[in-house]
N, C-alpha and C. Protein backbone atom coordinates (compact mmCIF):
# COMPACT_ATOMS: atom_id res chain seq x y z
N MET A 1 17.88 3.08 -5.53
CA MET A 1 17.49 3.66 -6.78
C MET A 1 16.84 2.59 -7.63
N ARG A 2 15.82 2.99 -8.36
CA ARG A 2 15.05 2.03 -9.21
C ARG A 2 15.29 2.37 -10.65
N LEU A 3 15.82 1.36 -11.36
CA LEU A 3 16.15 1.56 -12.78
C LEU A 3 15.36 0.61 -13.67
N LEU A 4 14.87 1.14 -14.79
CA LEU A 4 14.32 0.26 -15.82
C LEU A 4 15.37 0.16 -16.95
N PHE A 5 15.69 -1.04 -17.31
CA PHE A 5 16.65 -1.27 -18.38
C PHE A 5 15.95 -1.45 -19.71
N ASP A 6 16.33 -0.60 -20.65
CA ASP A 6 15.84 -0.75 -22.01
C ASP A 6 16.40 -2.05 -22.57
N THR A 7 15.72 -2.59 -23.56
CA THR A 7 16.11 -3.85 -24.17
C THR A 7 17.55 -3.83 -24.64
N ASN A 8 17.99 -2.69 -25.23
CA ASN A 8 19.35 -2.65 -25.79
C ASN A 8 20.42 -2.87 -24.72
N ILE A 9 20.17 -2.43 -23.50
CA ILE A 9 21.14 -2.59 -22.43
C ILE A 9 21.29 -4.07 -22.04
N VAL A 10 20.17 -4.76 -21.95
CA VAL A 10 20.19 -6.16 -21.57
C VAL A 10 20.80 -6.97 -22.71
N LEU A 11 20.49 -6.62 -23.92
CA LEU A 11 21.08 -7.36 -25.08
C LEU A 11 22.57 -7.11 -25.17
N ASP A 12 23.05 -5.95 -24.73
CA ASP A 12 24.51 -5.71 -24.73
C ASP A 12 25.21 -6.76 -23.87
N ILE A 13 24.57 -7.13 -22.77
CA ILE A 13 25.12 -8.12 -21.88
C ILE A 13 24.92 -9.57 -22.49
N ALA A 14 23.70 -9.84 -22.91
CA ALA A 14 23.40 -11.17 -23.42
C ALA A 14 24.30 -11.53 -24.60
N LEU A 15 24.53 -10.57 -25.47
CA LEU A 15 25.29 -10.84 -26.70
C LEU A 15 26.74 -10.34 -26.61
N LYS A 16 27.13 -9.85 -25.44
CA LYS A 16 28.47 -9.31 -25.20
C LYS A 16 28.88 -8.33 -26.31
N ARG A 17 27.97 -7.39 -26.55
CA ARG A 17 28.22 -6.43 -27.62
C ARG A 17 29.20 -5.33 -27.17
N GLU A 18 30.26 -5.25 -27.94
CA GLU A 18 31.26 -4.21 -27.65
C GLU A 18 30.97 -3.00 -28.51
N PRO A 19 31.25 -1.83 -28.01
CA PRO A 19 31.97 -1.47 -26.77
C PRO A 19 31.04 -1.25 -25.59
N PHE A 20 29.83 -1.74 -25.66
CA PHE A 20 28.81 -1.42 -24.65
C PHE A 20 28.77 -2.36 -23.47
N TYR A 21 29.31 -3.56 -23.63
CA TYR A 21 29.19 -4.63 -22.65
C TYR A 21 29.68 -4.21 -21.26
N LYS A 22 30.87 -3.63 -21.17
CA LYS A 22 31.50 -3.31 -19.89
C LYS A 22 30.63 -2.37 -19.04
N ASP A 23 30.10 -1.30 -19.65
CA ASP A 23 29.30 -0.35 -18.87
C ASP A 23 28.00 -0.96 -18.43
N SER A 24 27.38 -1.77 -19.25
CA SER A 24 26.15 -2.44 -18.84
C SER A 24 26.38 -3.43 -17.69
N VAL A 25 27.46 -4.15 -17.77
CA VAL A 25 27.82 -5.08 -16.67
C VAL A 25 28.06 -4.30 -15.36
N THR A 26 28.73 -3.16 -15.47
CA THR A 26 29.00 -2.34 -14.29
C THR A 26 27.73 -1.95 -13.55
N ILE A 27 26.69 -1.59 -14.32
CA ILE A 27 25.41 -1.23 -13.72
C ILE A 27 24.79 -2.46 -13.06
N PHE A 28 24.82 -3.58 -13.71
CA PHE A 28 24.24 -4.81 -13.13
C PHE A 28 24.98 -5.21 -11.87
N LYS A 29 26.27 -4.93 -11.75
CA LYS A 29 26.98 -5.21 -10.49
C LYS A 29 26.40 -4.39 -9.36
N ASN A 30 25.93 -3.18 -9.63
CA ASN A 30 25.26 -2.38 -8.60
C ASN A 30 24.02 -3.07 -8.09
N ILE A 31 23.30 -3.72 -9.00
CA ILE A 31 22.10 -4.49 -8.59
C ILE A 31 22.53 -5.63 -7.68
N ASP A 32 23.54 -6.31 -8.09
CA ASP A 32 24.04 -7.46 -7.30
C ASP A 32 24.46 -7.02 -5.91
N ASN A 33 24.95 -5.80 -5.78
CA ASN A 33 25.38 -5.26 -4.51
C ASN A 33 24.27 -4.55 -3.72
N LYS A 34 23.03 -4.62 -4.24
CA LYS A 34 21.84 -4.04 -3.59
C LYS A 34 21.90 -2.52 -3.47
N ARG A 35 22.69 -1.87 -4.28
CA ARG A 35 22.67 -0.41 -4.33
C ARG A 35 21.54 0.08 -5.24
N THR A 36 21.16 -0.78 -6.12
CA THR A 36 20.19 -0.41 -7.15
C THR A 36 19.20 -1.56 -7.33
N PHE A 37 17.98 -1.22 -7.65
CA PHE A 37 16.99 -2.20 -7.95
C PHE A 37 16.70 -2.11 -9.44
N GLY A 38 16.81 -3.21 -10.13
CA GLY A 38 16.66 -3.24 -11.57
C GLY A 38 15.34 -3.84 -12.00
N PHE A 39 14.82 -3.32 -13.11
CA PHE A 39 13.54 -3.75 -13.66
C PHE A 39 13.65 -3.82 -15.16
N VAL A 40 12.85 -4.73 -15.75
CA VAL A 40 12.61 -4.73 -17.19
C VAL A 40 11.12 -4.94 -17.35
N THR A 41 10.60 -4.55 -18.49
CA THR A 41 9.19 -4.83 -18.75
C THR A 41 9.07 -6.27 -19.22
N ALA A 42 7.89 -6.82 -19.05
CA ALA A 42 7.64 -8.18 -19.53
C ALA A 42 7.84 -8.27 -21.04
N THR A 43 7.54 -7.21 -21.75
CA THR A 43 7.75 -7.24 -23.19
C THR A 43 9.23 -7.29 -23.57
N THR A 44 10.07 -6.73 -22.72
CA THR A 44 11.50 -6.81 -22.94
C THR A 44 11.98 -8.25 -22.93
N ILE A 45 11.42 -9.06 -22.06
CA ILE A 45 11.83 -10.47 -21.97
C ILE A 45 11.58 -11.18 -23.28
N THR A 46 10.42 -10.96 -23.89
CA THR A 46 10.16 -11.64 -25.15
C THR A 46 11.07 -11.11 -26.26
N ASP A 47 11.37 -9.83 -26.24
CA ASP A 47 12.28 -9.26 -27.23
C ASP A 47 13.70 -9.85 -27.06
N ILE A 48 14.12 -9.97 -25.85
CA ILE A 48 15.44 -10.53 -25.57
C ILE A 48 15.51 -11.99 -26.06
N TYR A 49 14.49 -12.73 -25.75
CA TYR A 49 14.50 -14.13 -26.21
C TYR A 49 14.58 -14.20 -27.73
N TYR A 50 13.74 -13.43 -28.40
CA TYR A 50 13.68 -13.46 -29.85
C TYR A 50 15.07 -13.16 -30.49
N ILE A 51 15.70 -12.09 -30.00
CA ILE A 51 16.95 -11.66 -30.61
C ILE A 51 18.10 -12.58 -30.15
N ALA A 52 18.14 -12.93 -28.88
CA ALA A 52 19.24 -13.81 -28.41
C ALA A 52 19.15 -15.19 -29.00
N ARG A 53 17.95 -15.70 -29.20
CA ARG A 53 17.78 -17.01 -29.81
C ARG A 53 18.33 -17.01 -31.25
N LYS A 54 18.07 -15.94 -31.96
CA LYS A 54 18.58 -15.88 -33.34
C LYS A 54 20.11 -15.88 -33.37
N ASP A 55 20.70 -15.24 -32.39
CA ASP A 55 22.16 -15.11 -32.36
C ASP A 55 22.85 -16.27 -31.65
N LYS A 56 22.27 -16.74 -30.54
CA LYS A 56 22.93 -17.72 -29.68
C LYS A 56 22.23 -19.07 -29.59
N GLY A 57 21.00 -19.15 -30.02
CA GLY A 57 20.23 -20.40 -29.91
C GLY A 57 19.29 -20.40 -28.74
N HIS A 58 18.31 -21.30 -28.81
CA HIS A 58 17.25 -21.39 -27.80
C HIS A 58 17.78 -21.62 -26.41
N LEU A 59 18.61 -22.59 -26.21
CA LEU A 59 19.09 -22.96 -24.86
C LEU A 59 19.85 -21.84 -24.18
N ILE A 60 20.72 -21.19 -24.91
CA ILE A 60 21.49 -20.08 -24.34
C ILE A 60 20.56 -18.89 -24.04
N ALA A 61 19.59 -18.61 -24.92
CA ALA A 61 18.64 -17.52 -24.67
C ALA A 61 17.83 -17.79 -23.40
N ILE A 62 17.36 -18.98 -23.24
CA ILE A 62 16.55 -19.37 -22.05
C ILE A 62 17.43 -19.29 -20.79
N GLU A 63 18.67 -19.78 -20.90
CA GLU A 63 19.56 -19.71 -19.74
C GLU A 63 19.85 -18.28 -19.34
N PHE A 64 20.08 -17.41 -20.32
CA PHE A 64 20.32 -16.01 -20.03
C PHE A 64 19.11 -15.39 -19.32
N ILE A 65 17.92 -15.63 -19.86
CA ILE A 65 16.71 -15.07 -19.26
C ILE A 65 16.53 -15.61 -17.82
N SER A 66 16.75 -16.86 -17.63
CA SER A 66 16.64 -17.44 -16.29
C SER A 66 17.60 -16.78 -15.34
N ASN A 67 18.80 -16.49 -15.74
CA ASN A 67 19.78 -15.78 -14.90
C ASN A 67 19.35 -14.33 -14.72
N LEU A 68 18.88 -13.70 -15.76
CA LEU A 68 18.49 -12.28 -15.69
C LEU A 68 17.43 -12.05 -14.64
N ILE A 69 16.42 -12.90 -14.59
CA ILE A 69 15.28 -12.65 -13.68
C ILE A 69 15.67 -12.95 -12.24
N GLN A 70 16.91 -13.44 -12.00
CA GLN A 70 17.42 -13.52 -10.64
C GLN A 70 17.89 -12.16 -10.15
N PHE A 71 18.17 -11.25 -11.07
CA PHE A 71 18.72 -9.91 -10.75
C PHE A 71 17.72 -8.77 -10.90
N VAL A 72 16.76 -8.95 -11.76
CA VAL A 72 15.81 -7.87 -12.02
C VAL A 72 14.39 -8.35 -11.78
N ASP A 73 13.53 -7.39 -11.50
CA ASP A 73 12.08 -7.69 -11.37
C ASP A 73 11.42 -7.31 -12.66
N LEU A 74 10.27 -7.93 -12.89
CA LEU A 74 9.52 -7.65 -14.11
C LEU A 74 8.37 -6.69 -13.82
N ILE A 75 8.15 -5.83 -14.76
CA ILE A 75 7.01 -4.92 -14.73
C ILE A 75 5.99 -5.42 -15.76
N GLY A 76 4.82 -5.66 -15.30
CA GLY A 76 3.76 -6.13 -16.19
C GLY A 76 3.25 -5.00 -17.11
N ILE A 77 2.77 -5.41 -18.23
CA ILE A 77 2.21 -4.46 -19.19
C ILE A 77 0.74 -4.82 -19.33
N ASP A 78 -0.15 -3.87 -19.02
CA ASP A 78 -1.55 -4.16 -19.12
C ASP A 78 -2.24 -3.17 -20.11
N LYS A 79 -3.50 -3.32 -20.25
CA LYS A 79 -4.29 -2.50 -21.18
C LYS A 79 -4.13 -1.01 -20.93
N GLU A 80 -4.15 -0.64 -19.67
CA GLU A 80 -4.06 0.78 -19.32
C GLU A 80 -2.69 1.37 -19.78
N ILE A 81 -1.63 0.62 -19.58
CA ILE A 81 -0.32 1.11 -20.03
C ILE A 81 -0.30 1.21 -21.55
N ILE A 82 -0.81 0.21 -22.24
CA ILE A 82 -0.83 0.26 -23.74
C ILE A 82 -1.65 1.44 -24.22
N ILE A 83 -2.82 1.67 -23.67
CA ILE A 83 -3.67 2.75 -24.09
C ILE A 83 -2.92 4.09 -23.91
N GLU A 84 -2.30 4.27 -22.75
CA GLU A 84 -1.58 5.53 -22.52
C GLU A 84 -0.36 5.65 -23.41
N ALA A 85 0.33 4.54 -23.66
CA ALA A 85 1.50 4.58 -24.51
C ALA A 85 1.14 4.95 -25.94
N LEU A 86 -0.05 4.64 -26.36
CA LEU A 86 -0.52 5.03 -27.71
C LEU A 86 -0.65 6.54 -27.87
N THR A 87 -0.78 7.24 -26.75
CA THR A 87 -1.02 8.71 -26.81
C THR A 87 0.19 9.56 -26.44
N THR A 88 1.32 8.96 -26.16
CA THR A 88 2.49 9.77 -25.78
C THR A 88 3.12 10.43 -26.99
N GLU A 89 4.02 11.34 -26.73
CA GLU A 89 4.75 12.05 -27.78
C GLU A 89 5.95 11.26 -28.27
N LEU A 90 6.25 10.14 -27.61
CA LEU A 90 7.40 9.33 -28.04
C LEU A 90 7.09 8.68 -29.37
N THR A 91 8.07 8.67 -30.25
CA THR A 91 7.86 8.12 -31.63
C THR A 91 8.04 6.63 -31.71
N ASP A 92 8.79 6.02 -30.79
CA ASP A 92 9.01 4.57 -30.79
C ASP A 92 8.03 3.94 -29.81
N PHE A 93 7.14 3.08 -30.30
CA PHE A 93 6.06 2.52 -29.46
C PHE A 93 6.61 1.67 -28.32
N GLU A 94 7.65 0.87 -28.57
CA GLU A 94 8.24 0.07 -27.50
C GLU A 94 8.79 0.95 -26.38
N ASP A 95 9.43 2.04 -26.78
CA ASP A 95 9.97 3.01 -25.77
C ASP A 95 8.86 3.69 -25.05
N SER A 96 7.75 3.96 -25.75
CA SER A 96 6.61 4.59 -25.11
C SER A 96 6.03 3.69 -24.04
N ILE A 97 5.93 2.39 -24.34
CA ILE A 97 5.42 1.41 -23.36
C ILE A 97 6.35 1.39 -22.13
N GLN A 98 7.65 1.39 -22.36
CA GLN A 98 8.61 1.38 -21.25
C GLN A 98 8.52 2.67 -20.43
N SER A 99 8.33 3.78 -21.09
CA SER A 99 8.24 5.06 -20.38
C SER A 99 7.00 5.13 -19.48
N VAL A 100 5.83 4.73 -20.07
CA VAL A 100 4.60 4.75 -19.27
C VAL A 100 4.69 3.75 -18.14
N ALA A 101 5.17 2.54 -18.41
CA ALA A 101 5.32 1.53 -17.36
C ALA A 101 6.25 2.04 -16.24
N SER A 102 7.28 2.73 -16.61
CA SER A 102 8.19 3.30 -15.61
C SER A 102 7.51 4.31 -14.73
N SER A 103 6.72 5.16 -15.34
CA SER A 103 6.04 6.20 -14.52
C SER A 103 5.02 5.54 -13.59
N TYR A 104 4.39 4.47 -13.98
CA TYR A 104 3.40 3.78 -13.15
C TYR A 104 4.09 2.99 -12.02
N ASN A 105 5.39 2.73 -12.12
CA ASN A 105 6.07 1.87 -11.16
C ASN A 105 7.20 2.58 -10.42
N ASP A 106 7.13 3.88 -10.34
CA ASP A 106 8.08 4.68 -9.53
C ASP A 106 9.53 4.40 -9.86
N ILE A 107 9.81 4.31 -11.16
CA ILE A 107 11.17 4.11 -11.61
C ILE A 107 11.87 5.47 -11.60
N ASP A 108 13.12 5.49 -11.12
CA ASP A 108 13.86 6.74 -11.05
C ASP A 108 14.49 7.11 -12.40
N TYR A 109 15.04 6.13 -13.11
CA TYR A 109 15.69 6.35 -14.39
C TYR A 109 15.47 5.20 -15.33
N ILE A 110 15.40 5.48 -16.59
CA ILE A 110 15.45 4.50 -17.65
C ILE A 110 16.87 4.47 -18.16
N VAL A 111 17.50 3.32 -18.19
CA VAL A 111 18.86 3.22 -18.71
C VAL A 111 18.79 2.66 -20.11
N THR A 112 19.35 3.43 -21.03
CA THR A 112 19.25 3.14 -22.48
C THR A 112 20.41 3.73 -23.20
N ARG A 113 20.72 3.19 -24.34
CA ARG A 113 21.69 3.86 -25.21
C ARG A 113 20.99 4.84 -26.16
N ASN A 114 19.68 4.87 -26.14
CA ASN A 114 18.93 5.71 -27.06
C ASN A 114 18.15 6.79 -26.28
N THR A 115 18.85 7.62 -25.56
CA THR A 115 18.19 8.62 -24.74
C THR A 115 17.31 9.57 -25.56
N LYS A 116 17.70 9.80 -26.80
CA LYS A 116 16.94 10.70 -27.67
C LYS A 116 15.55 10.20 -27.87
N ASN A 117 15.36 8.87 -27.85
CA ASN A 117 14.01 8.28 -27.99
C ASN A 117 13.12 8.55 -26.81
N PHE A 118 13.73 8.91 -25.67
CA PHE A 118 12.96 9.16 -24.44
C PHE A 118 12.93 10.63 -24.10
N LYS A 119 13.17 11.50 -25.07
CA LYS A 119 13.25 12.94 -24.82
C LYS A 119 11.97 13.47 -24.09
N ASP A 120 10.81 12.95 -24.47
CA ASP A 120 9.58 13.44 -23.87
C ASP A 120 9.01 12.51 -22.80
N SER A 121 9.86 11.64 -22.31
CA SER A 121 9.41 10.65 -21.28
C SER A 121 9.22 11.36 -19.94
N ARG A 122 8.25 10.87 -19.19
CA ARG A 122 8.05 11.37 -17.80
C ARG A 122 9.18 10.94 -16.88
N VAL A 123 9.82 9.84 -17.24
CA VAL A 123 10.97 9.33 -16.46
C VAL A 123 12.23 9.60 -17.24
N LYS A 124 13.21 10.27 -16.57
CA LYS A 124 14.44 10.66 -17.25
C LYS A 124 15.22 9.42 -17.70
N ALA A 125 15.76 9.51 -18.90
CA ALA A 125 16.56 8.42 -19.47
C ALA A 125 18.02 8.84 -19.40
N LEU A 126 18.87 7.88 -19.04
CA LEU A 126 20.32 8.06 -18.96
C LEU A 126 21.00 6.96 -19.73
N THR A 127 22.14 7.30 -20.32
CA THR A 127 22.99 6.26 -20.91
C THR A 127 23.67 5.51 -19.74
N PRO A 128 24.19 4.33 -20.02
CA PRO A 128 24.95 3.63 -18.93
C PRO A 128 26.05 4.47 -18.31
N ILE A 129 26.83 5.15 -19.16
CA ILE A 129 27.94 5.95 -18.63
C ILE A 129 27.40 7.13 -17.81
N GLU A 130 26.31 7.71 -18.25
CA GLU A 130 25.70 8.82 -17.49
C GLU A 130 25.26 8.32 -16.11
N PHE A 131 24.67 7.13 -16.07
CA PHE A 131 24.27 6.56 -14.76
C PHE A 131 25.47 6.24 -13.91
N ILE A 132 26.51 5.67 -14.47
CA ILE A 132 27.70 5.35 -13.72
C ILE A 132 28.30 6.64 -13.13
N ASN A 133 28.39 7.68 -13.92
CA ASN A 133 28.93 8.97 -13.47
C ASN A 133 28.05 9.57 -12.36
N LEU A 134 26.75 9.42 -12.50
CA LEU A 134 25.80 9.93 -11.48
C LEU A 134 26.04 9.23 -10.16
N THR A 135 26.19 7.93 -10.17
CA THR A 135 26.38 7.20 -8.93
C THR A 135 27.74 7.47 -8.30
N ARG A 136 28.76 7.77 -9.14
CA ARG A 136 30.07 8.12 -8.57
C ARG A 136 30.01 9.44 -7.83
N LYS A 137 29.21 10.39 -8.35
CA LYS A 137 29.07 11.71 -7.71
C LYS A 137 28.36 11.57 -6.37
N LYS A 138 27.43 10.64 -6.26
CA LYS A 138 26.66 10.51 -5.05
C LYS A 138 27.40 9.80 -3.90
N LYS A 139 28.56 9.20 -4.21
CA LYS A 139 29.34 8.51 -3.17
C LYS A 139 30.08 9.46 -2.30
C-alpha cells in the first residue's frame, strides 16, 4: 500500500505531539516492516524543517529529516502539479498540492488528521486511526 503523509502526521512524530504520537508511530512501523510504502512531498520536508527548527533547533530538525528520508520516499513538486493544484476545489493550497501530487504518483491514501480538508481530493484521505483499523481488517 502506498501512503502519502500529510505534514501534520510527520510533525506529530518529530515533536512527539500527544495524543497523536502513538498512532503516527504505529503507521511508520508498518513502513519499517515493508507492509506499506510511505511518501511525503518535497514541500513537506521544508515545512517540517521550519516548524521543527523553531521548536527543537536546527540540529535536531536536520537529524529528524535525515532519519525520516530513510523510511519514506519524496514526491517532487513541479509546475504541472502547482498549476493543477491552483484549480482544485480544495480550500487549503498545501493540501491541494499534496492531493494532486498523490494522484500523479499512484498513492492509495493520504494520511492526515485533517480529512475534511481533503473532502474533494481524488485520493481518499484517512486519519491515522482509520488507516490502522483498515489494515487490521485486511489481516
